[in-house]
Amino acid sequence: MRAWGVRVGEDRERERAALEDGVLIIGWRGLGDLGGTTRDEVRAAVAGAYPGEGPYTIGNWAGQIHRFVNEIAAGDLVVMPLKSGVVNIGRVVGDYAYRPEAEEGTRHTRRVEWLVRDIDRGAFRPDLLSSLGSLLTVFELGRYGAAERVGVMAGGKLDPGDPEADELAAELTGPTKLVEEVRGRSAEDSLELSVRDFLAVWDVRRRSPEAIKRITADLRDKGLITVPPFTEGSLDSRVTILAGGSEPDESGKSAVTRTAEDAKLPEDVRNAARAVRGQAEEDTGPRTVVAYRVSNLESANRMPEGVRVGDDLRKAVTIMARRNYSQVPVLDAEGRLRGVVSWESVGRARMRTPNPDLEAATGPRKEVGLSEDLLEAIGTIQRFGYVFVHDHEHRVRGLITASDLAEQFGSRVRPFVLVEEIEQRLRLVVDRHLPLDRVRKVVRNGGRVKSVDNLNFGAYKYVFEEEENWAALGWDIDRNGFIEDLEECRRFRNSLMHFSPDPITDDQLTPLQDLLDLLRTLEPQD
């Protein structure tokens, strides 16, 4: 037995028909009888009914409709949240049925026996309630033992909870609030957040592979999509959160298409929506293999001041002098790069003629795309000292210089240096004060420890928790507080080993620096 969520949308008439007629109903106007169809046939039917939609939306909608027509089985349980906030639970008792005589938008049905009606949302534990907070019309409740718990509630009892629940369950209320915020907004007032604030919904500060995997799964379950993907750009880049899996509105358009066509929205948001619309659904998820992209550098997303084709050369020279630039872009009317003016190109032009114009002083352009691998662009940056960055429309978005690279990778080195010195000093402490056989007794696989160099970072907690070992150090400090600091450092070290393109901030490094300063005071090196 499986459990499903089926939403009836914002249409109260569809709610009334579902409850009075004892049926589940999905919309998607313009689709005929889908009985006996395969997933590919459903996809073809959706594409024919909605020719203005791209591969992403067609694939998403076809998947939901296929689940409703072919995957939901008689005997499965179904949960139907209503706009009023209450929830109904029923058991599916019939196959897919098409009602040609019914009003358009209520013709695709499944017969259902309603077992419990008008359940208050408070009867659900937060994790299961969060699973119901999806913007998809049809979705499976496959996490946290949902099917068994819904079965208990179908008997009129409260949600018993997941016996194997962990801390993650409580955190899922954050994404649920995100869904509620998206649901309450119009296309003209789409929710836009910085990547930093978006990650904070999951209490995450950096885009590690684990964090990306977890957030991507939640977005898929909730029927949400970020435009552009939240893995692109820097932490200060902006993303728009859309109801990517919701049914078409009265105009027959998806949220992605409405965003792509809305002239009131910023051009970069519309362009990103167009890019998503043109992709297959399976290609729109964030990359879980994390790599350095050009877009991960803040300067790649910071538009430099430049000149237009036909401007006076003095304007370019003045900008370089005022802003301390080595070069400025020469852009056409659409914001595309047509060349570069630099001090070198100006000097060469003046060698040829005393009063060169902008065209004479314009040199060849060096540019890369936002989504390109940063490591592959390093050679160009090192050779020429810079590279301009363009978006998928080839409009200039930013400028990366050699100094930007030095700053970026310099900040990358500091955390490793801090952790390495802390670890070296801990080894020195143990080696100076404790016999190796005493250390072996308290650490895992102690027989394999041939010297302090064999200890992993997590072992120091167990070494210092032993009263005899702690007394041997002769330190007049609080042991519990010191061990807490060690544990925080260990967690940071573990996260550092999982690559993320996002920088580590000074406040994240403060606990490490404080621990290192303490160790330097307690055990100064000879």
Protein backbone atom coordinates (compact mmCIF):
# COMPACT_ATOMS: atom_id res chain seq x y z
CA MET A 1 0.00 0.00 0.00
CA ARG A 2 1.22 3.48 -0.91
CA ALA A 3 0.07 6.92 0.17
CA TRP A 4 -0.39 9.87 -2.15
CA GLY A 5 -1.12 13.54 -1.94
CA VAL A 6 -3.55 14.99 -4.47
CA ARG A 7 -4.28 18.70 -4.44
CA VAL A 8 -7.43 20.17 -5.94
CA GLY A 9 -5.86 23.59 -6.35
CA GLU A 10 -7.49 26.90 -5.55
CA ASP A 11 -10.82 25.96 -7.17
CA ARG A 12 -13.45 25.52 -4.45
CA GLU A 13 -15.85 24.04 -7.02
CA ARG A 14 -13.35 21.28 -7.66
CA GLU A 15 -13.09 20.69 -3.90
CA ARG A 16 -16.87 20.45 -3.62
CA ALA A 17 -17.11 18.05 -6.59
CA ALA A 18 -14.36 15.83 -5.18
CA LEU A 19 -16.04 15.48 -1.79
CA GLU A 20 -19.65 15.20 -2.99
CA ASP A 21 -18.94 12.84 -5.91
CA GLY A 22 -16.38 10.72 -4.06
CA VAL A 23 -13.59 11.26 -6.58
CA LEU A 24 -10.08 12.58 -6.91
CA ILE A 25 -9.85 15.23 -9.62
CA ILE A 26 -6.97 16.76 -11.54
CA GLY A 27 -7.20 19.60 -14.03
CA TRP A 28 -5.15 20.18 -17.19
CA ARG A 29 -7.78 21.40 -19.59
CA GLY A 30 -7.65 20.25 -23.19
CA LEU A 31 -6.53 16.68 -22.50
CA GLY A 32 -8.80 13.88 -23.67
CA ASP A 33 -9.26 10.40 -22.26
CA LEU A 34 -5.90 9.07 -21.05
CA GLY A 35 -7.03 5.59 -20.10
CA GLY A 36 -4.58 2.88 -21.21
CA THR A 37 -1.83 5.34 -22.12
CA THR A 38 1.87 4.91 -21.48
CA ARG A 39 4.05 7.64 -19.97
CA ASP A 40 5.35 8.57 -23.44
CA GLU A 41 1.80 8.81 -24.75
CA VAL A 42 0.82 11.01 -21.82
CA ARG A 43 3.79 13.25 -22.55
CA ALA A 44 2.82 13.51 -26.21
CA ALA A 45 -0.76 14.41 -25.25
CA VAL A 46 0.43 17.13 -22.85
CA ALA A 47 2.80 18.55 -25.47
CA GLY A 48 -0.06 18.70 -27.98
CA ALA A 49 -2.43 20.40 -25.53
CA TYR A 50 0.16 22.97 -24.37
CA PRO A 51 2.32 23.81 -27.41
CA GLY A 52 3.63 26.98 -25.77
CA GLU A 53 5.37 25.10 -22.97
CA GLY A 54 8.95 23.85 -23.06
CA PRO A 55 10.42 20.41 -22.29
CA TYR A 56 10.80 21.12 -18.55
CA THR A 57 7.13 21.84 -17.91
CA ILE A 58 5.88 19.15 -20.31
CA GLY A 59 7.99 16.54 -18.54
CA ASN A 60 6.93 17.69 -15.07
CA TRP A 61 3.22 17.73 -15.90
CA ALA A 62 3.37 14.43 -17.77
CA GLY A 63 5.00 12.77 -14.74
CA GLN A 64 2.24 13.93 -12.39
CA ILE A 65 -0.56 12.94 -14.77
CA HIS A 66 1.04 9.55 -15.41
CA ARG A 67 1.16 8.91 -11.66
CA PHE A 68 -2.52 9.79 -11.36
CA VAL A 69 -3.58 7.65 -14.34
CA ASN A 70 -1.29 4.64 -14.01
CA GLU A 71 0.65 4.47 -10.74
CA ILE A 72 -1.99 5.13 -8.10
CA ALA A 73 -3.67 1.79 -7.43
CA ALA A 74 -6.91 0.66 -5.86
CA GLY A 75 -6.35 0.26 -2.13
CA ASP A 76 -3.80 3.07 -1.90
CA LEU A 77 -4.46 5.85 0.58
CA VAL A 78 -4.79 9.46 -0.52
CA VAL A 79 -4.53 12.71 1.39
CA MET A 80 -6.28 15.79 -0.03
CA PRO A 81 -5.52 19.17 1.59
CA LEU A 82 -8.20 21.83 1.10
CA LYS A 83 -7.81 25.58 0.70
CA SER A 84 -9.56 26.09 4.04
CA GLY A 85 -6.64 24.37 5.77
CA VAL A 86 -8.32 21.09 6.70
CA VAL A 87 -7.29 17.73 5.27
CA ASN A 88 -9.25 14.69 4.02
CA ILE A 89 -8.06 11.08 3.91
CA GLY A 90 -9.53 8.46 1.62
CA ARG A 91 -8.90 5.09 0.00
CA VAL A 92 -8.73 4.73 -3.78
CA VAL A 93 -11.41 2.27 -4.94
CA GLY A 94 -11.38 2.63 -8.72
CA ASP A 95 -9.23 2.97 -11.80
CA TYR A 96 -8.73 6.15 -13.76
CA ALA A 97 -11.95 7.38 -15.35
CA TYR A 98 -12.53 10.18 -17.86
CA ARG A 99 -15.82 12.08 -17.55
CA PRO A 100 -16.48 13.74 -20.94
CA GLU A 101 -19.78 15.18 -19.72
CA ALA A 102 -18.20 16.97 -16.75
CA GLU A 103 -17.07 20.57 -16.79
CA GLU A 104 -13.67 21.19 -18.40
CA GLY A 105 -10.97 20.92 -15.74
CA THR A 106 -12.81 18.24 -13.71
CA ARG A 107 -12.85 15.35 -16.18
CA HIS A 108 -9.83 13.29 -15.04
CA THR A 109 -10.87 11.31 -11.95
CA ARG A 110 -10.22 8.37 -9.66
CA ARG A 111 -13.02 6.94 -7.51
CA VAL A 112 -12.23 7.32 -3.78
CA GLU A 113 -13.92 6.42 -0.50
CA TRP A 114 -13.45 9.28 1.95
CA LEU A 115 -12.58 7.74 5.31
CA VAL A 116 -11.91 10.81 7.47
CA ARG A 117 -12.91 14.36 6.57
CA ASP A 118 -12.00 17.82 7.80
CA ILE A 119 -8.93 16.80 9.81
CA ASP A 120 -7.22 19.72 11.49
CA ARG A 121 -3.64 20.23 10.34
CA GLY A 122 -2.59 20.12 13.98
CA ALA A 123 -3.29 16.36 13.96
CA PHE A 124 -0.19 15.87 11.77
CA ARG A 125 3.36 15.82 13.08
CA PRO A 126 5.58 18.52 11.51
CA ASP A 127 7.48 16.14 9.20
CA LEU A 128 4.33 14.61 7.66
CA LEU A 129 2.63 17.99 7.49
CA SER A 130 5.69 19.29 5.67
CA SER A 131 5.39 16.48 3.11
CA LEU A 132 1.84 17.65 2.38
CA GLY A 133 3.08 21.16 1.69
CA SER A 134 3.84 20.52 -1.98
CA LEU A 135 2.85 22.69 -4.92
CA LEU A 136 2.58 19.58 -7.09
CA THR A 137 -0.93 18.35 -7.86
CA VAL A 138 -0.02 14.66 -7.56
CA PHE A 139 2.85 13.47 -5.35
CA GLU A 140 3.74 10.37 -3.38
CA LEU A 141 4.10 10.50 0.39
CA GLY A 142 7.08 8.20 0.50
CA ARG A 143 9.17 9.55 3.38
CA TYR A 144 9.11 9.17 7.17
CA GLY A 145 6.86 6.09 7.17
CA ALA A 146 4.04 8.17 5.68
CA ALA A 147 1.90 5.32 4.32
CA GLU A 148 1.67 3.54 7.69
CA ARG A 149 1.01 6.79 9.55
CA VAL A 150 -1.71 7.88 7.14
CA GLY A 151 -3.24 4.42 7.59
CA VAL A 152 -3.43 5.02 11.36
CA MET A 153 -5.00 8.44 10.82
CA ALA A 154 -7.53 6.93 8.39
CA GLY A 155 -8.86 5.10 11.44
CA GLY A 156 -9.58 8.38 13.19
CA LYS A 157 -6.43 8.51 15.32
CA LEU A 158 -3.71 11.15 15.58
CA ASP A 159 -0.49 10.92 13.59
CA PRO A 160 1.68 8.45 15.56
CA GLY A 161 4.89 9.94 14.19
CA ASP A 162 7.83 8.21 12.57
CA PRO A 163 9.57 5.79 14.96
CA GLU A 164 12.81 6.38 13.07
CA ALA A 165 12.50 10.18 12.94
CA ASP A 166 15.65 12.22 13.31
CA GLU A 167 16.52 15.89 13.57
CA LEU A 168 15.98 16.40 9.86
CA ALA A 169 12.23 16.08 10.31
CA ALA A 170 12.01 19.24 12.39
CA GLU A 171 14.04 21.20 9.84
CA LEU A 172 11.56 20.47 7.07
CA THR A 173 9.21 23.13 8.43
CA GLY A 174 11.52 25.68 6.81
CA PRO A 175 10.89 24.53 3.23
CA THR A 176 7.19 24.29 4.06
CA LYS A 177 7.14 27.98 4.91
CA LEU A 178 8.86 28.62 1.59
CA VAL A 179 6.05 26.80 -0.21
CA GLU A 180 3.43 28.86 1.63
CA GLU A 181 5.21 32.06 0.65
CA VAL A 182 5.40 31.04 -3.02
CA ARG A 183 1.77 29.94 -3.06
CA GLY A 184 0.59 33.30 -1.75
CA ARG A 185 2.32 35.35 -4.46
CA SER A 186 1.30 36.33 -7.97
CA ALA A 187 3.52 35.96 -11.03
CA GLU A 188 4.23 39.70 -10.90
CA ASP A 189 5.36 39.38 -7.28
CA SER A 190 7.52 36.24 -7.48
CA LEU A 191 9.62 35.40 -4.44
CA GLU A 192 13.23 36.44 -4.97
CA LEU A 193 16.03 35.72 -2.49
CA SER A 194 19.78 35.89 -2.40
CA VAL A 195 21.41 32.46 -2.53
CA ARG A 196 22.63 33.13 1.01
CA ASP A 197 19.08 33.72 2.33
CA PHE A 198 17.75 30.79 0.30
CA LEU A 199 20.27 28.41 1.91
CA ALA A 200 19.33 29.76 5.34
CA VAL A 201 15.86 28.20 4.92
CA TRP A 202 17.66 24.88 5.39
CA ASP A 203 20.01 26.32 8.03
CA VAL A 204 22.88 25.92 5.56
CA ARG A 205 25.66 28.44 4.92
CA ARG A 206 27.65 26.79 2.13
CA ARG A 207 26.69 24.68 -0.89
CA SER A 208 28.38 21.41 -0.03
CA PRO A 209 27.42 18.26 -1.99
CA GLU A 210 25.38 17.01 0.98
CA ALA A 211 23.50 20.29 1.32
CA ILE A 212 22.79 20.46 -2.42
CA LYS A 213 21.49 16.90 -2.45
CA ARG A 214 19.19 17.54 0.50
CA ILE A 215 17.84 20.85 -0.82
CA THR A 216 17.32 19.44 -4.32
CA ALA A 217 15.25 16.56 -2.92
CA ASP A 218 13.08 18.98 -0.95
CA LEU A 219 12.56 21.25 -3.95
CA ARG A 220 11.51 18.28 -6.06
CA ASP A 221 9.09 17.07 -3.38
CA LYS A 222 7.62 20.55 -2.99
CA GLY A 223 7.22 21.23 -6.71
CA LEU A 224 9.58 24.20 -6.57
CA ILE A 225 12.32 25.34 -8.91
CA THR A 226 14.88 28.12 -8.59
CA VAL A 227 15.62 30.34 -11.56
CA PRO A 228 18.53 30.25 -12.15
CA PRO A 229 19.61 27.09 -10.26
CA PHE A 230 20.71 27.96 -6.73
CA THR A 231 24.06 26.29 -7.37
CA GLU A 232 25.02 29.00 -9.84
CA GLY A 233 26.53 32.37 -8.99
CA SER A 234 27.88 33.67 -5.71
CA LEU A 235 26.10 33.73 -2.35
CA ASP A 236 24.94 37.27 -3.16
CA SER A 237 23.40 36.25 -6.48
CA ARG A 238 19.60 36.36 -6.66
CA VAL A 239 17.29 33.44 -7.43
CA THR A 240 13.57 33.46 -8.11
CA ILE A 241 11.59 30.60 -6.56
CA LEU A 242 8.77 29.36 -8.77
CA ALA A 243 6.00 26.78 -8.48
CA GLY A 244 7.56 24.75 -11.26
CA GLY A 245 5.21 21.77 -10.88
CA SER A 246 1.89 23.55 -10.38
CA GLU A 247 -0.96 23.12 -12.85
CA PRO A 248 -1.49 25.70 -15.64
CA ASP A 249 -3.45 28.79 -14.67
CA GLU A 250 -6.63 29.94 -16.42
CA SER A 251 -4.58 31.20 -19.35
CA GLY A 252 -3.15 27.70 -19.80
CA LYS A 253 0.41 28.71 -18.92
CA SER A 254 2.87 27.38 -16.35
CA ALA A 255 4.60 29.53 -13.73
CA VAL A 256 7.87 29.20 -15.66
CA THR A 257 6.29 30.42 -18.91
CA ARG A 258 4.52 33.30 -17.17
CA THR A 259 7.86 34.37 -15.70
CA ALA A 260 9.63 34.10 -19.05
CA GLU A 261 6.99 36.26 -20.75
CA ASP A 262 6.37 38.86 -18.04
CA ALA A 263 7.74 42.15 -19.37
CA LYS A 264 7.55 43.67 -15.87
CA LEU A 265 10.24 41.34 -14.55
CA PRO A 266 13.99 42.02 -14.85
CA GLU A 267 15.51 40.80 -18.10
CA ASP A 268 17.95 38.44 -16.37
CA VAL A 269 15.08 36.71 -14.52
CA ARG A 270 13.14 36.32 -17.76
CA ASN A 271 16.21 35.00 -19.56
CA ALA A 272 16.85 32.45 -16.80
CA ALA A 273 13.21 31.30 -17.01
CA ARG A 274 13.53 30.94 -20.78
CA ALA A 275 16.64 28.82 -20.29
CA VAL A 276 14.80 26.55 -17.85
CA ARG A 277 11.78 26.28 -20.14
CA GLY A 278 13.98 25.01 -22.94
CA GLN A 279 15.57 22.23 -20.90
CA ALA A 280 14.35 18.74 -20.28
CA GLU A 281 13.05 18.25 -16.73
CA GLU A 282 15.89 15.92 -15.78
CA ASP A 283 18.44 18.56 -16.80
CA THR A 284 17.06 21.39 -14.67
CA GLY A 285 18.16 20.17 -11.26
CA PRO A 286 21.20 21.78 -9.60
CA ARG A 287 24.52 20.09 -10.21
CA THR A 288 25.30 17.74 -7.34
CA VAL A 289 28.88 17.35 -8.57
CA VAL A 290 30.18 20.63 -7.23
CA ALA A 291 32.79 22.47 -9.24
CA TYR A 292 34.22 25.94 -9.43
CA ARG A 293 32.16 27.82 -11.99
CA VAL A 294 33.00 31.27 -13.26
CA SER A 295 29.71 32.41 -11.72
CA ASN A 296 30.91 31.47 -8.22
CA LEU A 297 33.18 34.52 -8.10
CA GLU A 298 31.47 37.67 -6.85
CA SER A 299 33.27 39.81 -9.44
CA ALA A 300 31.79 37.64 -12.21
CA ASN A 301 28.36 38.90 -11.15
CA ARG A 302 29.36 42.55 -10.69
CA MET A 303 28.89 44.61 -13.83
CA PRO A 304 31.95 46.80 -14.54
CA GLU A 305 31.61 50.35 -15.78
CA GLY A 306 32.27 50.59 -19.51
CA VAL A 307 31.68 52.49 -22.72
CA ARG A 308 29.51 52.02 -25.80
CA VAL A 309 30.53 51.66 -29.41
CA GLY A 310 30.90 55.18 -30.79
CA ASP A 311 31.78 56.85 -27.47
CA ASP A 312 34.71 59.22 -27.17
CA LEU A 313 38.01 57.56 -26.18
CA ARG A 314 38.39 60.16 -23.44
CA LYS A 315 35.38 58.63 -21.67
CA ALA A 316 37.12 55.24 -21.50
CA VAL A 317 40.38 56.78 -20.30
CA THR A 318 38.54 58.81 -17.64
CA ILE A 319 36.74 55.73 -16.32
CA MET A 320 40.01 53.80 -16.06
CA ALA A 321 41.68 56.70 -14.24
CA ARG A 322 38.77 57.37 -11.86
CA ARG A 323 38.07 53.70 -11.03
CA ASN A 324 41.67 52.51 -11.10
CA TYR A 325 40.75 50.04 -13.86
CA SER A 326 43.31 48.46 -16.15
CA GLN A 327 40.69 47.94 -18.84
CA VAL A 328 37.05 48.75 -19.67
CA PRO A 329 34.60 46.89 -21.92
CA VAL A 330 33.32 48.33 -25.18
CA LEU A 331 29.66 47.26 -25.46
CA ASP A 332 27.10 47.38 -28.23
CA ALA A 333 23.48 48.50 -27.76
CA GLU A 334 22.48 45.03 -26.47
CA GLY A 335 25.26 44.94 -23.85
CA ARG A 336 27.43 42.46 -25.74
CA LEU A 337 31.20 42.77 -25.69
CA ARG A 338 32.72 44.20 -28.87
CA GLY A 339 36.22 44.81 -27.61
CA VAL A 340 38.34 46.09 -24.74
CA VAL A 341 40.13 49.37 -24.12
CA SER A 342 43.18 49.10 -21.85
CA TRP A 343 46.13 51.32 -21.01
CA GLU A 344 48.18 49.10 -23.29
CA SER A 345 45.77 49.42 -26.24
CA VAL A 346 45.59 53.20 -25.75
CA GLY A 347 49.38 53.42 -25.75
CA ARG A 348 49.70 51.31 -28.90
CA ALA A 349 47.02 53.41 -30.65
CA ARG A 350 48.86 56.62 -29.82
CA MET A 351 52.05 55.19 -31.24
CA ARG A 352 50.22 54.93 -34.56
CA THR A 353 48.40 58.29 -34.46
CA PRO A 354 48.51 61.26 -32.06
CA ASN A 355 44.73 61.48 -31.53
CA PRO A 356 43.19 58.00 -31.87
CA ASP A 357 39.44 57.45 -31.53
CA LEU A 358 37.77 54.71 -29.48
CA GLU A 359 37.73 52.23 -32.34
CA ALA A 360 41.47 52.63 -32.95
CA ALA A 361 42.22 52.03 -29.26
CA THR A 362 39.92 49.02 -28.94
CA GLY A 363 41.71 45.68 -28.63
CA PRO A 364 40.41 42.11 -29.00
CA ARG A 365 38.01 40.83 -26.36
CA LYS A 366 38.67 38.07 -23.84
CA GLU A 367 35.48 36.57 -22.39
CA VAL A 368 34.04 33.42 -20.83
CA GLY A 369 30.54 32.26 -19.95
CA LEU A 370 29.10 32.29 -16.43
CA SER A 371 28.63 28.52 -16.37
CA GLU A 372 32.12 27.64 -17.62
CA ASP A 373 34.67 25.91 -15.42
CA LEU A 374 36.71 28.55 -13.59
CA LEU A 375 39.82 26.38 -13.52
CA GLU A 376 39.83 26.26 -17.32
CA ALA A 377 39.67 30.08 -17.46
CA ILE A 378 42.64 30.59 -15.12
CA GLY A 379 45.19 30.32 -17.92
CA THR A 380 43.52 33.13 -19.89
CA ILE A 381 43.29 35.32 -16.79
CA GLN A 382 46.94 34.75 -15.92
CA ARG A 383 48.08 35.51 -19.47
CA PHE A 384 46.01 38.65 -20.08
CA GLY A 385 45.32 39.76 -16.50
CA TYR A 386 41.54 39.69 -16.89
CA VAL A 387 38.56 38.11 -18.59
CA PHE A 388 35.05 39.52 -19.06
CA VAL A 389 32.09 37.32 -18.16
CA HIS A 390 28.90 36.97 -20.22
CA ASP A 391 25.55 35.30 -19.61
CA HIS A 392 23.82 32.82 -21.92
CA GLU A 393 22.61 35.77 -24.05
CA HIS A 394 26.26 36.89 -24.35
CA ARG A 395 25.60 40.09 -22.43
CA VAL A 396 28.45 41.20 -20.18
CA ARG A 397 27.78 40.41 -16.51
CA GLY A 398 31.14 40.89 -14.80
CA LEU A 399 34.91 41.05 -14.91
CA ILE A 400 37.47 38.72 -13.32
CA THR A 401 41.01 39.98 -12.83
CA ALA A 402 44.17 38.30 -11.61
CA SER A 403 43.75 40.05 -8.25
CA ASP A 404 40.23 38.55 -7.92
CA LEU A 405 41.76 35.11 -8.34
CA ALA A 406 44.46 35.82 -5.78
CA GLU A 407 41.86 36.99 -3.25
CA GLN A 408 39.57 34.03 -3.90
CA PHE A 409 42.17 31.31 -3.56
CA GLY A 410 44.00 33.12 -0.77
CA SER A 411 40.84 32.99 1.34
CA ARG A 412 40.59 29.29 0.50
CA VAL A 413 43.99 28.51 1.98
CA ARG A 414 43.50 30.12 5.41
CA PRO A 415 41.01 27.56 6.84
CA PHE A 416 43.31 24.67 5.92
CA VAL A 417 46.29 26.43 7.50
CA LEU A 418 44.37 27.02 10.75
CA VAL A 419 43.12 23.44 10.98
CA GLU A 420 46.57 22.03 10.17
CA GLU A 421 48.31 24.05 12.90
CA ILE A 422 45.63 23.10 15.46
CA GLU A 423 46.11 19.44 14.60
CA GLN A 424 49.90 19.69 14.76
CA ARG A 425 49.75 21.33 18.18
CA LEU A 426 47.35 18.69 19.50
CA ARG A 427 49.77 15.97 18.38
CA LEU A 428 52.59 17.80 20.14
CA VAL A 429 50.56 18.06 23.38
CA VAL A 430 49.78 14.33 23.41
CA ASP A 431 53.33 13.38 22.49
CA ARG A 432 54.82 15.57 25.26
CA HIS A 433 52.54 14.63 28.14
CA LEU A 434 50.99 11.18 27.59
CA PRO A 435 52.48 7.69 27.18
CA LEU A 436 51.37 6.07 23.94
CA ASP A 437 49.95 2.98 25.68
CA ARG A 438 47.59 5.19 27.71
CA VAL A 439 46.38 6.81 24.48
CA ARG A 440 45.80 3.44 22.84
CA LYS A 441 43.44 2.38 25.64
CA VAL A 442 40.89 5.13 24.96
CA VAL A 443 40.83 5.47 21.17
CA ARG A 444 39.15 3.22 18.62
CA ASN A 445 41.38 0.59 17.05
CA GLY A 446 44.09 1.56 19.52
CA GLY A 447 46.22 -1.42 18.56
CA ARG A 448 46.81 0.17 15.16
CA VAL A 449 48.12 3.41 16.68
CA LYS A 450 51.90 3.23 16.31
CA SER A 451 52.49 6.93 17.11
CA VAL A 452 50.52 10.12 17.69
CA ASP A 453 50.70 10.70 13.93
CA ASN A 454 48.16 7.87 13.55
CA LEU A 455 45.49 9.70 15.58
CA ASN A 456 42.55 11.19 13.71
CA PHE A 457 41.06 14.46 14.88
CA GLY A 458 38.08 12.85 16.58
CA ALA A 459 40.38 10.81 18.83
CA TYR A 460 41.52 13.80 20.89
CA LYS A 461 38.11 14.13 22.52
CA TYR A 462 38.41 10.63 23.99
CA VAL A 463 42.01 11.20 25.05
CA PHE A 464 41.20 14.38 27.00
CA GLU A 465 37.96 13.05 28.50
CA GLU A 466 40.03 10.66 30.65
CA GLU A 467 40.66 12.30 34.04
CA GLU A 468 44.19 10.91 34.31
CA ASN A 469 45.16 12.18 30.88
CA TRP A 470 43.71 15.63 31.51
CA ALA A 471 45.52 15.96 34.84
CA ALA A 472 48.81 15.09 33.14
CA LEU A 473 48.55 18.19 30.94
CA GLY A 474 48.60 20.53 33.92
CA TRP A 475 46.28 23.05 32.23
CA ASP A 476 44.29 25.36 34.52
CA ILE A 477 41.27 25.67 32.20
CA ASP A 478 37.76 24.20 31.98
CA ARG A 479 37.99 20.77 30.40
CA ASN A 480 34.35 20.62 29.21
CA GLY A 481 34.66 23.95 27.44
CA PHE A 482 37.90 22.90 25.78
CA ILE A 483 36.39 19.63 24.56
CA GLU A 484 33.38 21.54 23.17
CA ASP A 485 35.79 23.73 21.22
CA LEU A 486 37.55 20.61 19.93
CA GLU A 487 34.25 19.16 18.75
CA GLU A 488 33.32 22.36 16.95
CA CYS A 489 36.68 22.33 15.24
CA ARG A 490 36.22 18.68 14.27
CA ARG A 491 32.83 19.40 12.69
CA PHE A 492 34.29 22.33 10.79
CA ARG A 493 37.22 20.22 9.62
CA ASN A 494 34.86 17.52 8.34
CA SER A 495 32.78 20.05 6.43
CA LEU A 496 35.96 21.58 5.01
CA MET A 497 36.86 18.23 3.47
CA HIS A 498 33.62 18.32 1.42
CA PHE A 499 34.17 20.73 -1.40
CA SER A 500 31.96 23.79 -1.73
CA PRO A 501 32.42 26.73 -4.11
CA ASP A 502 31.32 29.17 -1.42
CA PRO A 503 33.83 31.13 0.65
CA ILE A 504 34.23 30.69 4.39
CA THR A 505 33.51 33.87 6.30
CA ASP A 506 35.63 35.37 9.07
CA ASP A 507 32.98 34.66 11.70
CA GLN A 508 33.05 30.97 10.75
CA LEU A 509 36.81 30.97 11.29
CA THR A 510 36.69 32.80 14.63
CA PRO A 511 36.22 29.62 16.77
CA LEU A 512 39.22 28.03 15.04
CA GLN A 513 41.39 31.07 15.54
CA ASP A 514 40.34 31.26 19.22
CA LEU A 515 41.20 27.59 19.76
CA LEU A 516 44.55 28.01 18.05
CA ASP A 517 45.38 31.09 20.16
CA LEU A 518 44.52 29.12 23.30
CA LEU A 519 46.78 26.23 22.28
CA ARG A 520 49.60 28.65 21.51
CA THR A 521 49.23 30.10 25.00
CA LEU A 522 49.02 26.75 26.79
CA GLU A 523 51.77 25.01 24.85
CA PRO A 524 54.13 27.48 23.17
CA GLN A 525 56.39 25.72 20.70
CA ASP A 526 60.11 25.70 21.39
